[in-house]
Amino acid sequence: MQTTTFSRVALVVLLATACMAQTSDFVGEWTDVSGYGGSLFICQNEDPTTISGKYSDAGLLQGTLDQTFRQASGRFFEGGLPESSCKTGTFDIVLDSNSQSFHGYYICADDADQTRIDFNEDRVTPLTSAGPNIPTDLQCAKVGVDVGSFDGVWVANNGTFPTAICVDGDSAQLSYPGFSDEVGVATHEFGSTHNIIYGYYFEVDGFQGSSVWYLDTNGNPTNFFWEGYDYVQSREFALAGDLFFEPLAPRDDDLCFIYSGIKTIDWSGTWTDEIFGGEMEICTTDGEFNAVYTEAGFAFGTVGGFDFEDPDYSYGEYTSYYNYTYYYNYTEYYERFVADPFVSGTFYEGGDGRCTVGEFEFTMADDGMSFTGCFSCNDDDDGCVHAWDGSRVSRTRPSDSSCGRLKPTYEDSVEHGTWSTHNAQVDFCEDDDEFTASSERSNGYQLYEEGNISEEGRVAYGIGYSAVQDDARSLYLLAWDNSLVSLFWFDRPSEEGTDDDGQHLLTSYSFSSEVSRSSCTTFDDFKEDDYVYVPGPSSSSDASTLVVGASLAVAFLAALF
């Protein structure tokens, strides 16, 4: 009986060992047509009933195999901004009969409808009788289980990028040289300690993007990232190979947050425009601020930027270890960084009433997701007292023409000429600090415009007259890409008008030819009727409190005429 019992036990052990040694046909290199067009690498973990995978250097898979080893389900993780969609979710995939492909679906965690999206891929290297080609742990981003903590100061294996990482609950904060700030979500898979961070990074030179970190099977952090937030457009910027890190020093909260102010100087993107009710497109380049708001106005100025305090914020206790092991001086990277989340400048709007020109000041919130500010009209005596706030919609940088990035002053800034686009043409003439223009669209709409020129010939603002109206507002910008950008309202800008795209438009013209001054006044007959500015429905008879619509033209009644 004892022999029989021993034999049964031995048989169970042998069967269990054989099961543990089984290689799943999921292992190998696959296409990533469901993702970003690169490759998906899948490996089995130390626990062979679980798998790790990395796709297109953009995201991670962590899954569990069923008892047949031919079906896997689990979670995926990608880098991205807090407002980015589908950064994590679940998946379920099944091998086809020949193991040369699999099919299934994934579901985005933030999808309220829990829609199943196809997840179907083909094997890149054919499966042979010898079994699958097994990718390396690095290719699969094989994640360690209960192998340690992210907390600490780490340095890349090539002696660069000393990086401070702090994890608190499900939040992660990182800072590293190049003056970069990174924020992420920390999670744990198959264990009790956090072993994955997915989030985004900012750099003071304007670079930003998505980032994923994981602890490898030795407990060392490994990172891959993308420049920009759109993987499809930015795939060529994916890091070639991964950076893996070694320990340098214990956790230091001051280091983790030393560059956290960087995101408060990152203004580029789309914001709400709480003046007109539309959106504000902002670009920042080399400290220069340019913005177009609701196709009604343009603002430009200077971003506060950043500076460094005196190096009383040194970390001498780490320096000796760092110099002994690597050739960089640790304290050179971690001077105290001071960000200035402030921007100020000048705004312009079309029209001939008060407040077509003025000054503004914005201050960004600590999280980089909103700003508070104010503006003053060019003849205000009370200073910057009118509120101007906004909230971030997207961090995607608009095109130069969409944000009205002005042509440099050191280049010729001459708008004089015929400019055209696929459905419109404008003859534009400048004379010192004034302009005249006549334009016609393919639908027959004709317009005469005149007004003032400013900013060394790069900004023109005034009034438009047509056969059907005499209060259109015109604003022209000579843009960085050598286009002539027209911001035009067919009526007085108002919050109500933003719901109707036909009320306003942005047109980007290209230079066509020289023009005669007579061509610029072709339609000046439209001006024969006397032009009278009529305040909008929010006007008040109280001259001390009058506000003209939702425009920046906050004005007193007496000053409008």
Protein backbone atom coordinates (compact mmCIF):
# COMPACT_ATOMS: atom_id res chain seq x y z
CA MET A 1 0.00 0.00 0.00
CA GLN A 2 2.80 2.38 0.82
CA THR A 3 4.45 1.68 -2.55
CA THR A 4 1.18 2.28 -4.36
CA THR A 5 0.57 5.50 -2.45
CA PHE A 6 4.09 6.70 -3.20
CA SER A 7 3.64 5.89 -6.88
CA ARG A 8 0.41 7.86 -7.04
CA VAL A 9 2.03 10.83 -5.34
CA ALA A 10 4.99 10.59 -7.68
CA LEU A 11 2.65 10.45 -10.66
CA VAL A 12 0.82 13.58 -9.48
CA VAL A 13 4.13 15.41 -9.03
CA LEU A 14 5.32 14.35 -12.47
CA LEU A 15 2.05 15.47 -14.08
CA ALA A 16 2.17 18.79 -12.24
CA THR A 17 5.77 19.32 -13.30
CA ALA A 18 4.89 18.52 -16.90
CA CYS A 19 2.00 20.96 -16.76
CA MET A 20 4.24 23.69 -15.34
CA ALA A 21 6.80 23.11 -18.05
CA GLN A 22 4.22 23.39 -20.84
CA THR A 23 4.87 26.21 -23.29
CA SER A 24 1.81 28.00 -24.53
CA ASP A 25 1.50 28.67 -28.24
CA PHE A 26 0.80 32.30 -27.33
CA VAL A 27 4.54 32.69 -26.84
CA GLY A 28 6.24 34.46 -29.74
CA GLU A 29 6.08 37.54 -31.94
CA TRP A 30 2.73 38.69 -33.34
CA THR A 31 1.42 41.54 -35.46
CA ASP A 32 -0.13 44.51 -33.71
CA VAL A 33 -2.74 45.63 -36.25
CA SER A 34 -5.25 46.03 -33.43
CA GLY A 35 -2.90 48.50 -31.81
CA TYR A 36 -0.22 50.65 -33.39
CA GLY A 37 1.28 48.66 -36.25
CA GLY A 38 4.45 47.37 -34.64
CA SER A 39 4.95 43.96 -33.03
CA LEU A 40 3.37 42.24 -30.06
CA PHE A 41 5.75 40.00 -28.08
CA ILE A 42 4.33 37.48 -25.58
CA CYS A 43 6.21 35.41 -22.99
CA GLN A 44 5.20 33.12 -20.16
CA ASN A 45 6.18 34.28 -16.69
CA GLU A 46 7.91 32.30 -13.94
CA ASP A 47 4.40 31.18 -13.13
CA PRO A 48 3.71 29.53 -16.51
CA THR A 49 -0.03 30.04 -16.12
CA THR A 50 0.50 33.77 -16.62
CA ILE A 51 1.85 35.81 -19.55
CA SER A 52 3.52 39.17 -20.12
CA GLY A 53 3.45 41.06 -23.39
CA LYS A 54 4.56 44.35 -24.94
CA TYR A 55 3.03 45.83 -28.09
CA SER A 56 4.61 48.44 -30.40
CA ASP A 57 6.66 49.89 -27.55
CA ALA A 58 3.40 51.50 -26.47
CA GLY A 59 1.78 49.26 -23.88
CA LEU A 60 1.88 46.14 -21.72
CA LEU A 61 -0.28 43.03 -21.47
CA GLN A 62 -0.61 40.98 -18.29
CA GLY A 63 -2.78 37.88 -18.58
CA THR A 64 -3.71 34.49 -17.19
CA LEU A 65 -3.95 31.29 -19.25
CA ASP A 66 -6.83 28.87 -18.93
CA GLN A 67 -6.21 25.17 -18.27
CA THR A 68 -5.77 24.45 -22.00
CA PHE A 69 -3.09 27.18 -22.32
CA ARG A 70 -4.94 28.31 -25.47
CA GLN A 71 -7.04 31.12 -24.03
CA ALA A 72 -5.75 34.15 -22.16
CA SER A 73 -7.46 37.02 -20.37
CA GLY A 74 -6.12 39.93 -18.41
CA ARG A 75 -5.38 43.64 -18.49
CA PHE A 76 -3.46 46.08 -20.70
CA PHE A 77 -1.71 49.34 -19.80
CA GLU A 78 -0.57 52.30 -21.92
CA GLY A 79 0.95 55.67 -21.16
CA GLY A 80 -1.05 58.85 -21.61
CA LEU A 81 -2.50 61.93 -20.00
CA PRO A 82 -5.15 61.81 -17.27
CA GLU A 83 -7.73 62.90 -19.86
CA SER A 84 -6.53 60.34 -22.44
CA SER A 85 -8.97 57.53 -23.18
CA CYS A 86 -8.41 53.80 -23.07
CA LYS A 87 -5.12 53.81 -21.18
CA THR A 88 -6.07 50.57 -19.46
CA GLY A 89 -8.68 47.87 -19.80
CA THR A 90 -9.24 44.13 -20.16
CA PHE A 91 -8.70 41.64 -22.96
CA ASP A 92 -9.71 38.08 -23.82
CA ILE A 93 -8.02 36.17 -26.68
CA VAL A 94 -8.17 32.57 -28.01
CA LEU A 95 -5.68 30.76 -30.26
CA ASP A 96 -6.99 29.51 -33.59
CA SER A 97 -6.68 25.79 -34.33
CA ASN A 98 -3.30 26.06 -36.08
CA SER A 99 -1.85 28.48 -33.50
CA GLN A 100 -0.77 30.81 -36.31
CA SER A 101 -3.27 33.46 -35.27
CA PHE A 102 -5.55 34.40 -32.39
CA HIS A 103 -8.81 36.28 -32.11
CA GLY A 104 -10.62 38.03 -29.32
CA TYR A 105 -11.46 41.45 -28.00
CA TYR A 106 -10.44 44.16 -25.58
CA ILE A 107 -12.57 46.60 -23.56
CA CYS A 108 -11.46 50.07 -22.47
CA ALA A 109 -11.87 50.59 -18.73
CA ASP A 110 -13.25 54.11 -19.22
CA ASP A 111 -15.89 53.01 -21.76
CA ALA A 112 -19.23 53.24 -20.01
CA ASP A 113 -20.80 50.98 -22.65
CA GLN A 114 -18.04 48.36 -22.27
CA THR A 115 -17.82 47.93 -26.04
CA ARG A 116 -15.86 44.90 -27.23
CA ILE A 117 -13.19 45.93 -29.77
CA ASP A 118 -11.64 43.30 -32.05
CA PHE A 119 -8.24 42.00 -30.97
CA ASN A 120 -7.10 39.71 -33.81
CA GLU A 121 -3.42 39.12 -34.68
CA ASP A 122 -1.24 36.81 -36.79
CA ARG A 123 2.01 35.16 -35.82
CA VAL A 124 5.06 36.85 -37.38
CA THR A 125 7.45 33.91 -37.14
CA PRO A 126 5.63 30.67 -38.11
CA LEU A 127 5.19 28.02 -35.46
CA THR A 128 7.27 24.88 -36.15
CA SER A 129 7.46 21.38 -34.68
CA ALA A 130 10.22 22.68 -32.41
CA GLY A 131 7.77 25.12 -30.87
CA PRO A 132 7.62 28.92 -30.92
CA ASN A 133 10.57 31.27 -31.04
CA ILE A 134 10.74 32.60 -27.50
CA PRO A 135 11.24 36.37 -27.22
CA THR A 136 13.55 37.85 -24.62
CA ASP A 137 12.26 39.08 -21.28
CA LEU A 138 12.97 42.63 -22.44
CA GLN A 139 10.98 42.23 -25.66
CA CYS A 140 8.00 40.96 -23.67
CA ALA A 141 8.44 43.44 -20.83
CA LYS A 142 8.30 40.52 -18.42
CA VAL A 143 7.06 41.98 -15.15
CA GLY A 144 8.40 40.79 -11.81
CA VAL A 145 6.04 39.80 -9.01
CA ASP A 146 6.74 41.02 -5.45
CA VAL A 147 10.33 41.80 -6.42
CA GLY A 148 10.65 45.12 -4.62
CA SER A 149 9.52 48.71 -4.93
CA PHE A 150 9.82 51.58 -7.38
CA ASP A 151 10.64 53.92 -4.50
CA GLY A 152 14.16 55.29 -4.68
CA VAL A 153 16.65 57.10 -6.88
CA TRP A 154 17.77 55.04 -9.85
CA VAL A 155 20.27 55.41 -12.67
CA ALA A 156 20.13 53.90 -16.16
CA ASN A 157 22.46 51.04 -16.90
CA ASN A 158 24.46 53.27 -19.25
CA GLY A 159 25.27 55.71 -16.45
CA THR A 160 22.74 58.38 -17.41
CA PHE A 161 19.25 59.56 -16.43
CA PRO A 162 19.39 59.51 -12.61
CA THR A 163 15.68 59.27 -11.84
CA ALA A 164 13.79 59.77 -8.60
CA ILE A 165 10.59 57.71 -8.21
CA CYS A 166 8.00 58.00 -5.44
CA VAL A 167 4.86 55.86 -5.24
CA ASP A 168 2.06 56.75 -2.84
CA GLY A 169 -1.04 54.60 -3.06
CA ASP A 170 -1.91 54.43 -6.75
CA SER A 171 -0.06 57.63 -7.69
CA ALA A 172 3.50 57.92 -8.92
CA GLN A 173 5.70 61.00 -9.24
CA LEU A 174 9.06 60.99 -11.06
CA SER A 175 11.72 63.55 -11.94
CA TYR A 176 14.85 63.10 -13.99
CA PRO A 177 17.53 65.17 -15.80
CA GLY A 178 16.74 67.06 -18.92
CA PHE A 179 14.52 68.83 -16.38
CA SER A 180 11.61 66.46 -16.86
CA ASP A 181 8.56 65.80 -14.75
CA GLU A 182 6.53 62.62 -14.96
CA VAL A 183 3.22 61.65 -13.39
CA GLY A 184 1.61 58.23 -13.52
CA VAL A 185 -0.76 55.65 -12.09
CA ALA A 186 0.86 52.82 -10.14
CA THR A 187 -0.72 49.38 -10.18
CA HIS A 188 0.14 45.80 -9.27
CA GLU A 189 -0.35 42.60 -11.23
CA PHE A 190 -0.25 39.08 -9.77
CA GLY A 191 1.26 40.39 -6.54
CA SER A 192 0.81 42.70 -3.60
CA THR A 193 3.35 45.39 -4.54
CA HIS A 194 3.19 47.92 -7.36
CA ASN A 195 5.09 46.75 -10.42
CA ILE A 196 3.70 48.92 -13.28
CA ILE A 197 3.48 52.71 -13.73
CA TYR A 198 1.76 54.23 -16.75
CA GLY A 199 1.50 57.96 -17.33
CA TYR A 200 3.04 60.93 -19.12
CA TYR A 201 6.07 63.22 -18.97
CA PHE A 202 6.87 66.90 -19.55
CA GLU A 203 10.21 68.53 -20.39
CA VAL A 204 11.10 72.19 -20.20
CA ASP A 205 12.17 72.26 -23.85
CA GLY A 206 8.60 71.49 -24.89
CA PHE A 207 8.93 67.74 -25.45
CA GLN A 208 6.21 65.67 -23.82
CA GLY A 209 4.67 62.28 -24.25
CA SER A 210 3.57 58.95 -22.86
CA SER A 211 5.60 56.68 -20.63
CA VAL A 212 5.40 53.18 -19.15
CA TRP A 213 7.56 51.76 -16.35
CA TYR A 214 7.67 48.25 -14.92
CA LEU A 215 9.78 46.32 -12.43
CA ASP A 216 11.59 43.48 -14.18
CA THR A 217 12.11 40.05 -12.65
CA ASN A 218 15.17 41.38 -10.79
CA GLY A 219 13.22 44.25 -9.29
CA ASN A 220 14.86 46.96 -11.40
CA PRO A 221 12.70 49.62 -13.12
CA THR A 222 12.55 49.50 -16.92
CA ASN A 223 11.09 52.28 -19.05
CA PHE A 224 9.88 52.87 -22.60
CA PHE A 225 8.22 56.03 -23.84
CA TRP A 226 6.74 57.87 -26.81
CA GLU A 227 7.23 61.47 -27.78
CA GLY A 228 3.78 62.96 -28.16
CA TYR A 229 0.41 61.51 -27.17
CA ASP A 230 -0.71 60.20 -30.54
CA TYR A 231 0.97 56.83 -30.99
CA VAL A 232 -0.13 56.45 -34.61
CA GLN A 233 1.48 59.70 -35.72
CA SER A 234 4.51 59.47 -33.46
CA ARG A 235 5.56 55.84 -33.82
CA GLU A 236 8.91 56.77 -35.34
CA PHE A 237 9.78 58.51 -32.07
CA ALA A 238 9.37 55.37 -29.96
CA LEU A 239 12.55 54.64 -28.02
CA ALA A 240 14.66 52.03 -29.81
CA GLY A 241 15.19 49.56 -27.01
CA ASP A 242 14.40 50.05 -23.35
CA LEU A 243 16.22 51.80 -20.55
CA PHE A 244 16.62 49.67 -17.46
CA PHE A 245 17.75 51.14 -14.17
CA GLU A 246 19.90 50.24 -11.19
CA PRO A 247 19.66 51.53 -7.60
CA LEU A 248 21.47 54.75 -6.70
CA ALA A 249 19.97 56.12 -3.49
CA PRO A 250 16.95 55.76 -1.18
CA ARG A 251 13.63 57.43 -1.89
CA ASP A 252 13.76 61.22 -1.67
CA ASP A 253 10.43 63.04 -1.92
CA ASP A 254 12.09 66.39 -2.61
CA LEU A 255 13.82 64.95 -5.66
CA CYS A 256 10.64 63.29 -6.91
CA PHE A 257 8.82 66.62 -6.99
CA ILE A 258 11.70 68.94 -7.86
CA TYR A 259 10.55 69.44 -11.48
CA SER A 260 6.83 69.08 -10.91
CA GLY A 261 6.35 72.73 -11.87
CA ILE A 262 7.17 71.97 -15.50
CA LYS A 263 3.58 71.13 -16.35
CA THR A 264 2.55 74.62 -15.22
CA ILE A 265 4.56 76.20 -18.06
CA ASP A 266 3.18 73.83 -20.71
CA TRP A 267 0.45 75.97 -22.25
CA SER A 268 0.22 74.34 -25.69
CA GLY A 269 -3.13 72.74 -26.49
CA THR A 270 -6.83 73.50 -26.63
CA TRP A 271 -8.59 75.34 -23.80
CA THR A 272 -12.09 76.60 -23.15
CA ASP A 273 -12.72 80.25 -23.94
CA GLU A 274 -14.95 81.53 -21.17
CA ILE A 275 -15.22 84.93 -22.84
CA PHE A 276 -16.91 83.88 -26.09
CA GLY A 277 -17.88 80.32 -25.15
CA GLY A 278 -15.81 78.57 -27.82
CA GLU A 279 -12.25 77.24 -27.64
CA MET A 280 -8.82 78.79 -27.38
CA GLU A 281 -5.95 77.25 -29.41
CA ILE A 282 -2.58 77.94 -27.74
CA CYS A 283 0.99 77.34 -28.94
CA THR A 284 4.14 78.01 -26.94
CA THR A 285 7.56 77.89 -28.57
CA ASP A 286 10.83 79.07 -27.02
CA GLY A 287 8.99 81.15 -24.44
CA GLU A 288 6.65 82.71 -27.01
CA PHE A 289 2.87 82.51 -26.40
CA ASN A 290 0.33 82.64 -29.27
CA ALA A 291 -3.41 81.99 -29.02
CA VAL A 292 -6.56 82.28 -31.13
CA TYR A 293 -9.81 82.31 -29.17
CA THR A 294 -13.16 81.38 -30.73
CA GLU A 295 -11.94 82.77 -34.08
CA ALA A 296 -12.76 86.18 -32.62
CA GLY A 297 -9.45 87.35 -31.23
CA PHE A 298 -5.73 86.77 -31.01
CA ALA A 299 -3.39 86.97 -28.01
CA PHE A 300 0.36 86.77 -27.87
CA GLY A 301 2.94 87.28 -25.18
CA THR A 302 5.74 85.71 -23.16
CA VAL A 303 5.61 82.58 -21.02
CA GLY A 304 7.11 82.94 -17.56
CA GLY A 305 9.34 79.91 -18.05
CA PHE A 306 11.71 78.61 -15.41
CA ASP A 307 14.87 79.39 -13.47
CA PHE A 308 17.21 77.75 -10.98
CA GLU A 309 17.90 78.84 -7.44
CA ASP A 310 21.35 78.92 -5.90
CA PRO A 311 22.65 75.37 -5.36
CA ASP A 312 21.81 75.22 -1.65
CA TYR A 313 19.69 72.23 -2.61
CA SER A 314 22.56 69.79 -3.05
CA TYR A 315 22.61 66.12 -2.15
CA GLY A 316 26.14 65.58 -0.90
CA GLU A 317 25.38 62.27 0.78
CA TYR A 318 24.65 60.81 -2.66
CA THR A 319 27.44 62.51 -4.58
CA SER A 320 30.32 60.35 -3.42
CA TYR A 321 28.51 57.13 -4.33
CA TYR A 322 27.52 58.54 -7.67
CA ASN A 323 31.02 59.74 -8.56
CA TYR A 324 32.49 56.41 -7.47
CA THR A 325 30.23 54.42 -9.78
CA TYR A 326 29.48 56.79 -12.65
CA TYR A 327 31.15 59.73 -14.34
CA TYR A 328 28.35 62.26 -13.83
CA ASN A 329 27.99 64.54 -10.83
CA TYR A 330 24.60 63.90 -9.32
CA THR A 331 24.15 67.45 -7.98
CA GLU A 332 24.64 68.93 -11.45
CA TYR A 333 21.33 67.36 -12.47
CA TYR A 334 19.32 68.28 -9.42
CA GLU A 335 19.63 71.99 -8.85
CA ARG A 336 16.43 73.46 -7.51
CA PHE A 337 14.04 74.08 -10.40
CA VAL A 338 11.64 77.00 -10.17
CA ALA A 339 8.77 77.25 -12.66
CA ASP A 340 6.86 80.44 -13.34
CA PRO A 341 3.28 79.54 -14.39
CA PHE A 342 2.60 83.08 -15.60
CA VAL A 343 2.02 84.49 -19.08
CA SER A 344 1.25 88.06 -20.10
CA GLY A 345 0.89 89.95 -23.33
CA THR A 346 -1.41 91.75 -25.76
CA PHE A 347 -4.70 90.77 -27.39
CA TYR A 348 -6.37 91.99 -30.58
CA GLU A 349 -9.94 91.70 -31.86
CA GLY A 350 -11.65 92.93 -34.99
CA GLY A 351 -13.90 95.96 -34.78
CA ASP A 352 -13.65 99.71 -34.39
CA GLY A 353 -15.12 100.02 -30.92
CA ARG A 354 -13.42 100.14 -27.57
CA CYS A 355 -11.37 97.19 -26.35
CA THR A 356 -10.17 95.90 -29.70
CA VAL A 357 -6.68 96.02 -28.17
CA GLY A 358 -5.64 95.37 -24.60
CA GLU A 359 -3.40 93.50 -22.18
CA PHE A 360 -3.90 90.15 -20.45
CA GLU A 361 -2.36 88.08 -17.66
CA PHE A 362 -2.84 84.33 -17.06
CA THR A 363 -1.64 82.08 -14.24
CA MET A 364 -1.85 78.31 -14.62
CA ALA A 365 -3.06 76.05 -11.81
CA ASP A 366 -0.63 73.63 -10.18
CA ASP A 367 -2.08 70.65 -12.03
CA GLY A 368 -1.73 72.35 -15.43
CA MET A 369 -5.42 71.83 -16.21
CA SER A 370 -6.84 75.35 -15.80
CA PHE A 371 -5.84 78.98 -15.59
CA THR A 372 -7.14 82.13 -13.99
CA GLY A 373 -6.47 85.56 -15.36
CA CYS A 374 -7.66 88.99 -16.30
CA PHE A 375 -7.56 91.52 -19.11
CA SER A 376 -7.66 95.28 -19.47
CA CYS A 377 -8.76 97.33 -22.47
CA ASN A 378 -6.32 99.72 -24.07
CA ASP A 379 -7.93 102.74 -22.45
CA ASP A 380 -8.81 101.19 -19.09
CA ASP A 381 -7.73 103.23 -16.09
CA ASP A 382 -8.37 100.53 -13.49
CA GLY A 383 -5.79 98.00 -14.65
CA CYS A 384 -6.33 94.27 -15.17
CA VAL A 385 -9.74 93.88 -13.54
CA HIS A 386 -11.88 91.90 -16.01
CA ALA A 387 -11.79 88.13 -15.37
CA TRP A 388 -10.53 85.74 -18.08
CA ASP A 389 -10.32 82.07 -17.06
CA GLY A 390 -10.12 78.77 -18.94
CA SER A 391 -9.83 75.00 -18.60
CA ARG A 392 -7.72 72.58 -20.61
CA VAL A 393 -9.48 70.46 -23.23
CA SER A 394 -6.46 68.80 -24.86
CA ARG A 395 -2.65 68.94 -24.79
CA THR A 396 -2.28 68.31 -28.52
CA ARG A 397 -0.38 71.25 -29.98
CA PRO A 398 -2.40 73.12 -32.63
CA SER A 399 -0.89 74.04 -35.98
CA ASP A 400 0.91 77.36 -36.28
CA SER A 401 -1.96 78.87 -38.26
CA SER A 402 -4.63 77.58 -35.83
CA CYS A 403 -2.97 79.25 -32.87
CA GLY A 404 -1.90 82.32 -34.84
CA ARG A 405 1.82 81.94 -34.31
CA LEU A 406 3.21 85.17 -35.70
CA LYS A 407 5.95 85.45 -38.27
CA PRO A 408 9.27 86.55 -36.67
CA THR A 409 9.96 90.27 -36.65
CA TYR A 410 13.38 89.74 -38.21
CA GLU A 411 11.73 88.52 -41.44
CA ASP A 412 9.87 90.74 -43.90
CA SER A 413 6.33 91.13 -42.63
CA VAL A 414 4.49 92.49 -45.64
CA GLU A 415 0.86 91.54 -46.12
CA HIS A 416 0.47 93.65 -49.28
CA GLY A 417 -0.69 91.43 -52.17
CA THR A 418 -3.30 89.01 -53.45
CA TRP A 419 -3.84 86.03 -51.18
CA SER A 420 -5.98 83.02 -52.00
CA THR A 421 -7.31 79.69 -50.83
CA HIS A 422 -9.43 77.04 -52.52
CA ASN A 423 -12.68 79.01 -52.09
CA ALA A 424 -11.71 82.63 -51.48
CA GLN A 425 -9.38 85.44 -52.52
CA VAL A 426 -8.45 88.66 -50.76
CA ASP A 427 -6.62 91.71 -52.16
CA PHE A 428 -4.82 93.23 -49.18
CA CYS A 429 -3.07 96.63 -49.14
CA GLU A 430 -1.20 98.28 -46.30
CA ASP A 431 -0.33 101.93 -45.94
CA ASP A 432 1.84 102.67 -42.90
CA ASP A 433 -0.40 101.73 -39.98
CA GLU A 434 -3.66 101.23 -41.90
CA PHE A 435 -5.02 98.61 -44.29
CA THR A 436 -7.73 98.16 -46.91
CA ALA A 437 -8.89 94.85 -48.36
CA SER A 438 -11.49 93.49 -50.75
CA SER A 439 -12.34 89.80 -50.77
CA GLU A 440 -14.71 87.43 -52.51
CA ARG A 441 -15.71 83.86 -51.77
CA SER A 442 -16.80 81.15 -54.19
CA ASN A 443 -20.37 81.45 -52.92
CA GLY A 444 -20.45 85.08 -54.15
CA TYR A 445 -20.02 86.73 -50.74
CA GLN A 446 -18.12 90.02 -51.23
CA LEU A 447 -16.54 92.07 -48.48
CA TYR A 448 -14.68 95.34 -47.99
CA GLU A 449 -12.46 95.72 -44.92
CA GLU A 450 -10.38 98.50 -43.42
CA GLY A 451 -8.66 99.20 -40.18
CA ASN A 452 -5.34 99.41 -38.34
CA ILE A 453 -2.01 97.60 -38.61
CA SER A 454 0.16 96.77 -35.62
CA GLU A 455 3.04 94.58 -34.45
CA GLU A 456 5.40 95.63 -37.24
CA GLY A 457 2.94 94.71 -39.98
CA ARG A 458 2.01 91.31 -38.58
CA VAL A 459 -1.46 92.10 -37.15
CA ALA A 460 -4.33 93.98 -38.84
CA TYR A 461 -7.72 94.57 -37.23
CA GLY A 462 -10.80 96.46 -38.30
CA ILE A 463 -14.33 96.39 -39.71
CA GLY A 464 -15.87 94.59 -42.69
CA TYR A 465 -18.71 95.90 -44.91
CA SER A 466 -20.83 93.82 -47.28
CA ALA A 467 -24.07 94.19 -49.21
CA VAL A 468 -26.02 92.58 -46.41
CA GLN A 469 -24.32 93.91 -43.27
CA ASP A 470 -22.00 96.58 -41.99
CA ASP A 471 -20.72 95.30 -38.68
CA ALA A 472 -18.49 92.35 -39.51
CA ARG A 473 -15.28 92.14 -37.51
CA SER A 474 -11.99 91.47 -39.29
CA LEU A 475 -8.65 90.39 -37.90
CA TYR A 476 -5.60 89.33 -39.95
CA LEU A 477 -2.37 87.68 -38.77
CA LEU A 478 0.81 87.12 -40.75
CA ALA A 479 1.68 83.63 -39.54
CA TRP A 480 4.92 81.76 -39.00
CA ASP A 481 4.28 79.51 -42.01
CA ASN A 482 4.00 82.62 -44.26
CA SER A 483 0.23 82.31 -44.51
CA LEU A 484 -2.21 85.18 -44.00
CA VAL A 485 -4.68 84.03 -41.35
CA SER A 486 -8.09 85.69 -41.32
CA LEU A 487 -10.30 85.59 -38.21
CA PHE A 488 -13.69 86.83 -39.29
CA TRP A 489 -17.08 87.24 -37.66
CA PHE A 490 -20.10 87.97 -39.84
CA ASP A 491 -21.65 89.72 -36.88
CA ARG A 492 -20.64 91.09 -33.52
CA PRO A 493 -18.99 88.24 -31.58
CA SER A 494 -21.16 86.89 -28.84
CA GLU A 495 -21.38 83.72 -26.83
CA GLU A 496 -24.59 82.80 -28.64
CA GLY A 497 -22.85 83.03 -32.01
CA THR A 498 -20.31 80.31 -31.24
CA ASP A 499 -22.96 77.63 -31.65
CA ASP A 500 -23.34 78.56 -35.31
CA ASP A 501 -20.17 77.94 -37.31
CA GLY A 502 -21.63 80.05 -40.08
CA GLN A 503 -21.22 83.13 -37.89
CA HIS A 504 -17.42 83.00 -37.83
CA LEU A 505 -14.51 81.31 -39.52
CA LEU A 506 -10.74 81.04 -39.69
CA THR A 507 -9.24 81.12 -43.18
CA SER A 508 -5.57 80.54 -44.00
CA TYR A 509 -4.54 82.25 -47.25
CA SER A 510 -1.40 81.71 -49.34
CA PHE A 511 0.33 84.50 -51.21
CA SER A 512 -0.56 84.58 -54.93
CA SER A 513 0.72 87.77 -56.54
CA GLU A 514 1.33 91.49 -56.27
CA VAL A 515 -1.74 93.70 -56.19
CA SER A 516 -2.74 97.23 -57.16
CA ARG A 517 -4.21 99.55 -54.55
CA SER A 518 -7.34 99.96 -56.64
CA SER A 519 -8.02 96.22 -56.30
CA CYS A 520 -8.01 96.54 -52.52
CA THR A 521 -10.88 99.05 -52.67
CA THR A 522 -12.97 97.21 -55.26
CA PHE A 523 -15.89 96.76 -52.87
CA ASP A 524 -15.56 99.98 -50.85
CA ASP A 525 -19.04 101.03 -52.04
CA PHE A 526 -20.38 98.79 -49.30
CA LYS A 527 -19.19 101.43 -46.85
CA GLU A 528 -21.50 104.14 -48.18
CA ASP A 529 -24.08 103.43 -45.52
CA ASP A 530 -23.12 105.01 -42.23
CA TYR A 531 -21.69 102.41 -39.88
CA VAL A 532 -23.06 102.47 -36.37
CA TYR A 533 -21.93 100.00 -33.72
CA VAL A 534 -24.96 98.66 -31.87
CA PRO A 535 -24.25 97.03 -28.49
CA GLY A 536 -25.48 93.50 -27.95
CA PRO A 537 -28.36 92.18 -25.87
CA SER A 538 -26.36 92.27 -22.67
CA SER A 539 -25.99 96.07 -22.90
CA SER A 540 -27.06 98.23 -20.03
CA SER A 541 -28.11 101.83 -19.95
CA ASP A 542 -25.85 102.21 -16.96
CA ALA A 543 -22.69 103.58 -18.56
CA SER A 544 -20.62 102.54 -15.56
CA THR A 545 -21.49 98.84 -15.81
CA LEU A 546 -22.08 98.18 -19.50
CA VAL A 547 -20.70 94.86 -20.78
CA VAL A 548 -20.87 94.30 -24.55
CA GLY A 549 -22.04 90.71 -24.99
CA ALA A 550 -19.58 88.03 -23.93
CA SER A 551 -16.77 89.77 -25.81
CA LEU A 552 -13.54 91.04 -24.40
CA ALA A 553 -15.07 94.41 -25.35
CA VAL A 554 -16.17 95.15 -21.82
CA ALA A 555 -16.93 98.81 -22.21
CA PHE A 556 -18.81 101.81 -21.02
CA LEU A 557 -21.65 102.93 -23.26
CA ALA A 558 -20.29 106.42 -23.77
CA ALA A 559 -16.96 105.04 -25.02
CA LEU A 560 -18.57 102.98 -27.77
CA PHE A 561 -19.42 105.94 -29.97
